[in-house]
Amino acid sequence: MIAIIDYKMGNVRSVAKALESLGAKVELTASKTKLAKARALVLPGVGAFAAGMKNLRKLNLIPEIKKAIAQNKPFLGICLGQQLLFSQSYEHGKHKGLDIIPGEVVMFKPGLKIPHMGWNTITQEARRKTQDTSGLLKGVPDGSYFYFVHSYYVKPVSKKWIIATTEYGQKFSSIVGQGNTFGIQFHPEKSSDIGLRILKNFCEIAGELE
């Protein structure tokens, strides 16, 4: 099954329902044993970076997350879940993240309306052909629209992590990843059929769907 990490940060149930609608076997859990047995992990999330890290620490889930990623188990971070993969965030102070992806989480530049909310497009980076070999964006046309709600964005240290970008007063990374570890800034569960396509691709990467 695919384990959705239930760390009390927002939209975990809506992500679970979206995956179940595709035919995937899904379990919402904070059990380290179940996370270890799952064939893939999803870390969704809505809310503040510091609160997300606090909850992961309180539930003692950080070692299991890092172990799964080190084993190249398929892992998908969504919205806050993507941001938590980074080294640090400057949301309401400076806070350490999971440090899976070297880089930081920063606020949009002054003058832009925040949060960045609504439909916007992604541009697939040419270099993704070497990164996204497992097919997260299979069947997703360049320029597809997805639903965003966020005030902070991720800045990987290395461009090799960037799979797709989005424009909002500036270009920012909207999909990152290497190997079987992926992070997406938008909400696929709120992005109609094209969002479900990305979730379906992830399920196929995990071997949960044929």
C-alpha atoms as a PDB file:
ATOM      1  CA  MET A   1       0.000   0.000   0.000  1.00  0.00           C
ATOM      2  CA  ILE A   2       0.904   3.674  -0.219  1.00  0.00           C
ATOM      3  CA  ALA A   3       1.270   5.278   3.195  1.00  0.00           C
ATOM      4  CA  ILE A   4       0.159   8.868   3.627  1.00  0.00           C
ATOM      5  CA  ILE A   5       2.009  10.322   6.587  1.00  0.00           C
ATOM      6  CA  ASP A   6      -0.601  11.607   9.016  1.00  0.00           C
ATOM      7  CA  TYR A   7       1.213  14.308  10.987  1.00  0.00           C
ATOM      8  CA  LYS A   8      -1.835  16.538  11.572  1.00  0.00           C
ATOM      9  CA  MET A   9      -1.003  19.148   8.945  1.00  0.00           C
ATOM     10  CA  GLY A  10      -3.954  19.823   6.695  1.00  0.00           C
ATOM     11  CA  ASN A  11      -5.105  18.055   3.601  1.00  0.00           C
ATOM     12  CA  VAL A  12      -4.094  14.445   4.202  1.00  0.00           C
ATOM     13  CA  ARG A  13      -7.609  13.052   3.720  1.00  0.00           C
ATOM     14  CA  SER A  14      -8.228  14.817   0.414  1.00  0.00           C
ATOM     15  CA  VAL A  15      -4.979  13.372  -0.934  1.00  0.00           C
ATOM     16  CA  ALA A  16      -6.000   9.922   0.310  1.00  0.00           C
ATOM     17  CA  LYS A  17      -9.358  10.157  -1.445  1.00  0.00           C
ATOM     18  CA  ALA A  18      -7.700  11.233  -4.688  1.00  0.00           C
ATOM     19  CA  LEU A  19      -5.338   8.251  -4.608  1.00  0.00           C
ATOM     20  CA  GLU A  20      -8.165   5.869  -3.717  1.00  0.00           C
ATOM     21  CA  SER A  21     -10.194   7.171  -6.666  1.00  0.00           C
ATOM     22  CA  LEU A  22      -7.393   5.916  -8.896  1.00  0.00           C
ATOM     23  CA  GLY A  23      -7.622   2.432  -7.412  1.00  0.00           C
ATOM     24  CA  ALA A  24      -4.600   2.628  -5.137  1.00  0.00           C
ATOM     25  CA  LYS A  25      -4.562   0.967  -1.729  1.00  0.00           C
ATOM     26  CA  VAL A  26      -3.896   3.787   0.726  1.00  0.00           C
ATOM     27  CA  GLU A  27      -3.492   4.112   4.474  1.00  0.00           C
ATOM     28  CA  LEU A  28      -3.318   7.266   6.581  1.00  0.00           C
ATOM     29  CA  THR A  29      -0.824   6.497   9.295  1.00  0.00           C
ATOM     30  CA  ALA A  30       1.739   7.794  11.759  1.00  0.00           C
ATOM     31  CA  SER A  31       2.949   4.282  12.552  1.00  0.00           C
ATOM     32  CA  LYS A  32       6.661   3.786  11.944  1.00  0.00           C
ATOM     33  CA  THR A  33       6.042   0.068  11.396  1.00  0.00           C
ATOM     34  CA  LYS A  34       3.460   0.709   8.682  1.00  0.00           C
ATOM     35  CA  LEU A  35       5.652   3.332   7.019  1.00  0.00           C
ATOM     36  CA  ALA A  36       8.485   0.810   6.911  1.00  0.00           C
ATOM     37  CA  LYS A  37       6.244  -1.790   5.251  1.00  0.00           C
ATOM     38  CA  ALA A  38       4.638   0.585   2.728  1.00  0.00           C
ATOM     39  CA  ARG A  39       5.780   0.444  -0.879  1.00  0.00           C
ATOM     40  CA  ALA A  40       5.684   4.260  -1.128  1.00  0.00           C
ATOM     41  CA  LEU A  41       5.240   7.312   1.112  1.00  0.00           C
ATOM     42  CA  VAL A  42       3.349  10.552   0.564  1.00  0.00           C
ATOM     43  CA  LEU A  43       3.894  13.630   2.753  1.00  0.00           C
ATOM     44  CA  PRO A  44       1.129  16.170   2.079  1.00  0.00           C
ATOM     45  CA  GLY A  45       0.591  19.254   4.177  1.00  0.00           C
ATOM     46  CA  VAL A  46      -0.916  22.688   4.610  1.00  0.00           C
ATOM     47  CA  GLY A  47       0.319  25.136   7.213  1.00  0.00           C
ATOM     48  CA  ALA A  48       3.501  26.535   8.691  1.00  0.00           C
ATOM     49  CA  PHE A  49       6.927  24.973   8.181  1.00  0.00           C
ATOM     50  CA  ALA A  50       7.919  25.107  11.857  1.00  0.00           C
ATOM     51  CA  ALA A  51       4.689  23.399  12.960  1.00  0.00           C
ATOM     52  CA  GLY A  52       5.170  20.667  10.359  1.00  0.00           C
ATOM     53  CA  MET A  53       8.685  19.877  11.559  1.00  0.00           C
ATOM     54  CA  LYS A  54       7.546  20.007  15.190  1.00  0.00           C
ATOM     55  CA  ASN A  55       4.836  17.433  14.522  1.00  0.00           C
ATOM     56  CA  LEU A  56       7.204  15.117  12.643  1.00  0.00           C
ATOM     57  CA  ARG A  57       9.658  15.276  15.540  1.00  0.00           C
ATOM     58  CA  LYS A  58       6.935  14.725  18.124  1.00  0.00           C
ATOM     59  CA  LEU A  59       5.762  11.608  16.289  1.00  0.00           C
ATOM     60  CA  ASN A  60       9.390  10.467  15.823  1.00  0.00           C
ATOM     61  CA  LEU A  61       8.819  10.049  12.081  1.00  0.00           C
ATOM     62  CA  ILE A  62      11.927  11.826  10.772  1.00  0.00           C
ATOM     63  CA  PRO A  63      14.247   8.770  10.978  1.00  0.00           C
ATOM     64  CA  GLU A  64      11.720   6.616   9.092  1.00  0.00           C
ATOM     65  CA  ILE A  65      11.293   9.246   6.366  1.00  0.00           C
ATOM     66  CA  LYS A  66      15.040   9.578   5.889  1.00  0.00           C
ATOM     67  CA  LYS A  67      15.481   5.809   5.873  1.00  0.00           C
ATOM     68  CA  ALA A  68      12.820   5.349   3.200  1.00  0.00           C
ATOM     69  CA  ILE A  69      14.368   8.012   0.970  1.00  0.00           C
ATOM     70  CA  ALA A  70      17.862   6.561   1.467  1.00  0.00           C
ATOM     71  CA  GLN A  71      16.460   3.220   0.277  1.00  0.00           C
ATOM     72  CA  ASN A  72      15.073   4.963  -2.842  1.00  0.00           C
ATOM     73  CA  LYS A  73      11.524   4.085  -1.845  1.00  0.00           C
ATOM     74  CA  PRO A  74       9.102   6.225  -3.904  1.00  0.00           C
ATOM     75  CA  PHE A  75       8.397   9.399  -1.927  1.00  0.00           C
ATOM     76  CA  LEU A  76       6.163  12.346  -2.825  1.00  0.00           C
ATOM     77  CA  GLY A  77       6.053  15.617  -0.875  1.00  0.00           C
ATOM     78  CA  ILE A  78       3.078  17.870  -1.654  1.00  0.00           C
ATOM     79  CA  CYS A  79       2.974  21.624  -0.898  1.00  0.00           C
ATOM     80  CA  LEU A  80       4.266  21.927   2.695  1.00  0.00           C
ATOM     81  CA  GLY A  81       5.443  18.331   2.329  1.00  0.00           C
ATOM     82  CA  GLN A  82       7.746  19.430  -0.482  1.00  0.00           C
ATOM     83  CA  GLN A  83       9.092  22.363   1.515  1.00  0.00           C
ATOM     84  CA  LEU A  84       9.892  20.165   4.516  1.00  0.00           C
ATOM     85  CA  LEU A  85      12.299  18.166   2.336  1.00  0.00           C
ATOM     86  CA  PHE A  86      14.617  21.190   2.184  1.00  0.00           C
ATOM     87  CA  SER A  87      17.478  22.161   4.483  1.00  0.00           C
ATOM     88  CA  GLN A  88      15.841  25.196   6.050  1.00  0.00           C
ATOM     89  CA  SER A  89      12.979  27.658   5.836  1.00  0.00           C
ATOM     90  CA  TYR A  90      12.722  31.380   6.573  1.00  0.00           C
ATOM     91  CA  GLU A  91       8.991  31.269   7.282  1.00  0.00           C
ATOM     92  CA  HIS A  92       8.491  33.253  10.524  1.00  0.00           C
ATOM     93  CA  GLY A  93      12.135  32.869  11.498  1.00  0.00           C
ATOM     94  CA  LYS A  94      14.783  30.353  10.500  1.00  0.00           C
ATOM     95  CA  HIS A  95      13.896  26.680  10.924  1.00  0.00           C
ATOM     96  CA  LYS A  96      15.719  23.472  10.051  1.00  0.00           C
ATOM     97  CA  GLY A  97      14.046  21.054   7.651  1.00  0.00           C
ATOM     98  CA  LEU A  98      14.604  17.402   6.777  1.00  0.00           C
ATOM     99  CA  ASP A  99      17.660  18.382   4.694  1.00  0.00           C
ATOM    100  CA  ILE A 100      16.960  15.776   2.029  1.00  0.00           C
ATOM    101  CA  ILE A 101      17.235  18.407  -0.705  1.00  0.00           C
ATOM    102  CA  PRO A 102      19.987  21.020  -0.197  1.00  0.00           C
ATOM    103  CA  GLY A 103      18.367  24.428  -0.362  1.00  0.00           C
ATOM    104  CA  GLU A 104      15.965  26.757   1.367  1.00  0.00           C
ATOM    105  CA  VAL A 105      12.355  27.892   1.509  1.00  0.00           C
ATOM    106  CA  VAL A 106      11.856  31.636   1.067  1.00  0.00           C
ATOM    107  CA  MET A 107       9.032  34.145   0.698  1.00  0.00           C
ATOM    108  CA  PHE A 108       8.031  35.690  -2.627  1.00  0.00           C
ATOM    109  CA  LYS A 109       9.583  39.072  -3.295  1.00  0.00           C
ATOM    110  CA  PRO A 110       7.803  42.221  -2.012  1.00  0.00           C
ATOM    111  CA  GLY A 111       5.066  43.645  -4.194  1.00  0.00           C
ATOM    112  CA  LEU A 112       3.482  40.344  -5.177  1.00  0.00           C
ATOM    113  CA  LYS A 113       0.062  39.426  -3.841  1.00  0.00           C
ATOM    114  CA  ILE A 114       0.423  36.532  -1.450  1.00  0.00           C
ATOM    115  CA  PRO A 115      -0.472  33.829  -1.118  1.00  0.00           C
ATOM    116  CA  HIS A 116       0.086  32.864  -4.726  1.00  0.00           C
ATOM    117  CA  MET A 117      -3.327  31.271  -5.124  1.00  0.00           C
ATOM    118  CA  GLY A 118      -5.170  29.812  -8.079  1.00  0.00           C
ATOM    119  CA  TRP A 119      -4.367  28.141 -11.388  1.00  0.00           C
ATOM    120  CA  ASN A 120      -0.945  28.534 -12.967  1.00  0.00           C
ATOM    121  CA  THR A 121       1.165  26.667 -15.496  1.00  0.00           C
ATOM    122  CA  ILE A 122       4.313  24.598 -15.194  1.00  0.00           C
ATOM    123  CA  THR A 123       7.224  24.603 -17.612  1.00  0.00           C
ATOM    124  CA  GLN A 124       9.108  21.347 -17.808  1.00  0.00           C
ATOM    125  CA  GLU A 125      12.851  21.856 -17.722  1.00  0.00           C
ATOM    126  CA  ALA A 126      14.852  20.302 -20.566  1.00  0.00           C
ATOM    127  CA  ARG A 127      17.112  18.610 -18.049  1.00  0.00           C
ATOM    128  CA  ARG A 128      14.158  16.702 -16.593  1.00  0.00           C
ATOM    129  CA  LYS A 129      14.768  14.024 -19.224  1.00  0.00           C
ATOM    130  CA  THR A 130      17.682  12.831 -17.123  1.00  0.00           C
ATOM    131  CA  GLN A 131      15.941  13.374 -13.767  1.00  0.00           C
ATOM    132  CA  ASP A 132      12.402  12.190 -14.331  1.00  0.00           C
ATOM    133  CA  THR A 133      13.306   8.871 -15.891  1.00  0.00           C
ATOM    134  CA  SER A 134      10.668   7.094 -13.792  1.00  0.00           C
ATOM    135  CA  GLY A 135       7.876   9.144 -15.356  1.00  0.00           C
ATOM    136  CA  LEU A 136       6.232  11.492 -12.836  1.00  0.00           C
ATOM    137  CA  LEU A 137       5.217  13.772 -15.727  1.00  0.00           C
ATOM    138  CA  LYS A 138       4.302  11.042 -18.189  1.00  0.00           C
ATOM    139  CA  GLY A 139       1.317  12.214 -20.228  1.00  0.00           C
ATOM    140  CA  VAL A 140       1.435  15.719 -18.723  1.00  0.00           C
ATOM    141  CA  PRO A 141       1.724  18.347 -21.497  1.00  0.00           C
ATOM    142  CA  ASP A 142       4.133  21.205 -21.008  1.00  0.00           C
ATOM    143  CA  GLY A 143       2.224  24.311 -19.926  1.00  0.00           C
ATOM    144  CA  SER A 144      -0.440  22.353 -18.028  1.00  0.00           C
ATOM    145  CA  TYR A 145      -2.363  24.246 -15.335  1.00  0.00           C
ATOM    146  CA  PHE A 146      -2.304  23.246 -11.665  1.00  0.00           C
ATOM    147  CA  TYR A 147      -3.807  24.735  -8.503  1.00  0.00           C
ATOM    148  CA  PHE A 148      -1.434  26.594  -6.162  1.00  0.00           C
ATOM    149  CA  VAL A 149      -1.834  28.058  -2.663  1.00  0.00           C
ATOM    150  CA  HIS A 150       1.438  29.188  -1.058  1.00  0.00           C
ATOM    151  CA  SER A 151       3.384  32.217   0.154  1.00  0.00           C
ATOM    152  CA  TYR A 152       6.826  30.585   0.206  1.00  0.00           C
ATOM    153  CA  TYR A 153       8.701  28.666  -2.467  1.00  0.00           C
ATOM    154  CA  VAL A 154      11.686  26.323  -2.617  1.00  0.00           C
ATOM    155  CA  LYS A 155      15.174  27.219  -3.879  1.00  0.00           C
ATOM    156  CA  PRO A 156      17.340  24.134  -4.471  1.00  0.00           C
ATOM    157  CA  VAL A 157      21.087  24.753  -4.266  1.00  0.00           C
ATOM    158  CA  SER A 158      21.568  22.750  -7.460  1.00  0.00           C
ATOM    159  CA  LYS A 159      19.505  23.079 -10.625  1.00  0.00           C
ATOM    160  CA  LYS A 160      19.805  19.324 -11.091  1.00  0.00           C
ATOM    161  CA  TRP A 161      16.876  18.950  -8.677  1.00  0.00           C
ATOM    162  CA  ILE A 162      14.523  21.111 -10.755  1.00  0.00           C
ATOM    163  CA  ILE A 163      11.995  19.213 -12.887  1.00  0.00           C
ATOM    164  CA  ALA A 164       9.546  22.053 -13.607  1.00  0.00           C
ATOM    165  CA  THR A 165       9.169  25.758 -12.928  1.00  0.00           C
ATOM    166  CA  THR A 166       6.322  28.262 -12.666  1.00  0.00           C
ATOM    167  CA  GLU A 167       6.170  32.021 -13.170  1.00  0.00           C
ATOM    168  CA  TYR A 168       4.707  34.306 -10.509  1.00  0.00           C
ATOM    169  CA  GLY A 169       6.507  37.624 -10.685  1.00  0.00           C
ATOM    170  CA  GLN A 170       9.627  35.454 -10.908  1.00  0.00           C
ATOM    171  CA  LYS A 171      10.482  31.914 -11.900  1.00  0.00           C
ATOM    172  CA  PHE A 172      10.380  29.381  -9.077  1.00  0.00           C
ATOM    173  CA  SER A 173      10.718  25.604  -8.775  1.00  0.00           C
ATOM    174  CA  SER A 174       7.292  23.961  -8.761  1.00  0.00           C
ATOM    175  CA  ILE A 175       8.435  20.329  -9.145  1.00  0.00           C
ATOM    176  CA  VAL A 176      11.710  18.964  -7.810  1.00  0.00           C
ATOM    177  CA  GLY A 177      13.142  15.501  -7.638  1.00  0.00           C
ATOM    178  CA  GLN A 178      15.849  12.943  -8.157  1.00  0.00           C
ATOM    179  CA  GLY A 179      15.608   9.177  -8.252  1.00  0.00           C
ATOM    180  CA  ASN A 180      12.313   8.199  -6.637  1.00  0.00           C
ATOM    181  CA  THR A 181      12.085  11.300  -4.425  1.00  0.00           C
ATOM    182  CA  PHE A 182       9.742  14.030  -5.689  1.00  0.00           C
ATOM    183  CA  GLY A 183       8.313  17.279  -4.372  1.00  0.00           C
ATOM    184  CA  ILE A 184       5.517  19.338  -5.913  1.00  0.00           C
ATOM    185  CA  GLN A 185       4.393  22.786  -4.787  1.00  0.00           C
ATOM    186  CA  PHE A 186       0.849  22.711  -6.185  1.00  0.00           C
ATOM    187  CA  HIS A 187      -2.072  20.551  -5.054  1.00  0.00           C
ATOM    188  CA  PRO A 188      -2.610  17.671  -7.501  1.00  0.00           C
ATOM    189  CA  GLU A 189      -5.713  16.567  -5.602  1.00  0.00           C
ATOM    190  CA  LYS A 190      -7.291  19.964  -6.428  1.00  0.00           C
ATOM    191  CA  SER A 191      -5.996  20.142  -9.999  1.00  0.00           C
ATOM    192  CA  SER A 192      -8.672  18.227 -11.890  1.00  0.00           C
ATOM    193  CA  ASP A 193      -7.744  15.386 -14.251  1.00  0.00           C
ATOM    194  CA  ILE A 194      -4.204  16.592 -14.912  1.00  0.00           C
ATOM    195  CA  GLY A 195      -3.452  16.550 -11.187  1.00  0.00           C
ATOM    196  CA  LEU A 196      -4.818  13.035 -10.931  1.00  0.00           C
ATOM    197  CA  ARG A 197      -2.531  12.080 -13.810  1.00  0.00           C
ATOM    198  CA  ILE A 198       0.514  13.014 -11.740  1.00  0.00           C
ATOM    199  CA  LEU A 199      -0.814  11.029  -8.785  1.00  0.00           C
ATOM    200  CA  LYS A 200      -1.498   8.075 -11.086  1.00  0.00           C
ATOM    201  CA  ASN A 201       2.065   8.277 -12.410  1.00  0.00           C
ATOM    202  CA  PHE A 202       3.386   8.227  -8.860  1.00  0.00           C
ATOM    203  CA  CYS A 203       1.254   5.166  -8.072  1.00  0.00           C
ATOM    204  CA  GLU A 204       2.713   3.450 -11.117  1.00  0.00           C
ATOM    205  CA  ILE A 205       6.250   4.353 -10.023  1.00  0.00           C
ATOM    206  CA  ALA A 206       5.392   2.736  -6.694  1.00  0.00           C
ATOM    207  CA  GLY A 207       4.063  -0.370  -8.414  1.00  0.00           C
ATOM    208  CA  GLU A 208       0.654   0.178  -6.855  1.00  0.00           C
ATOM    209  CA  LEU A 209      -1.101   0.459 -10.231  1.00  0.00           C
ATOM    210  CA  GLU A 210      -0.337  -1.314 -13.485  1.00  0.00           C
END
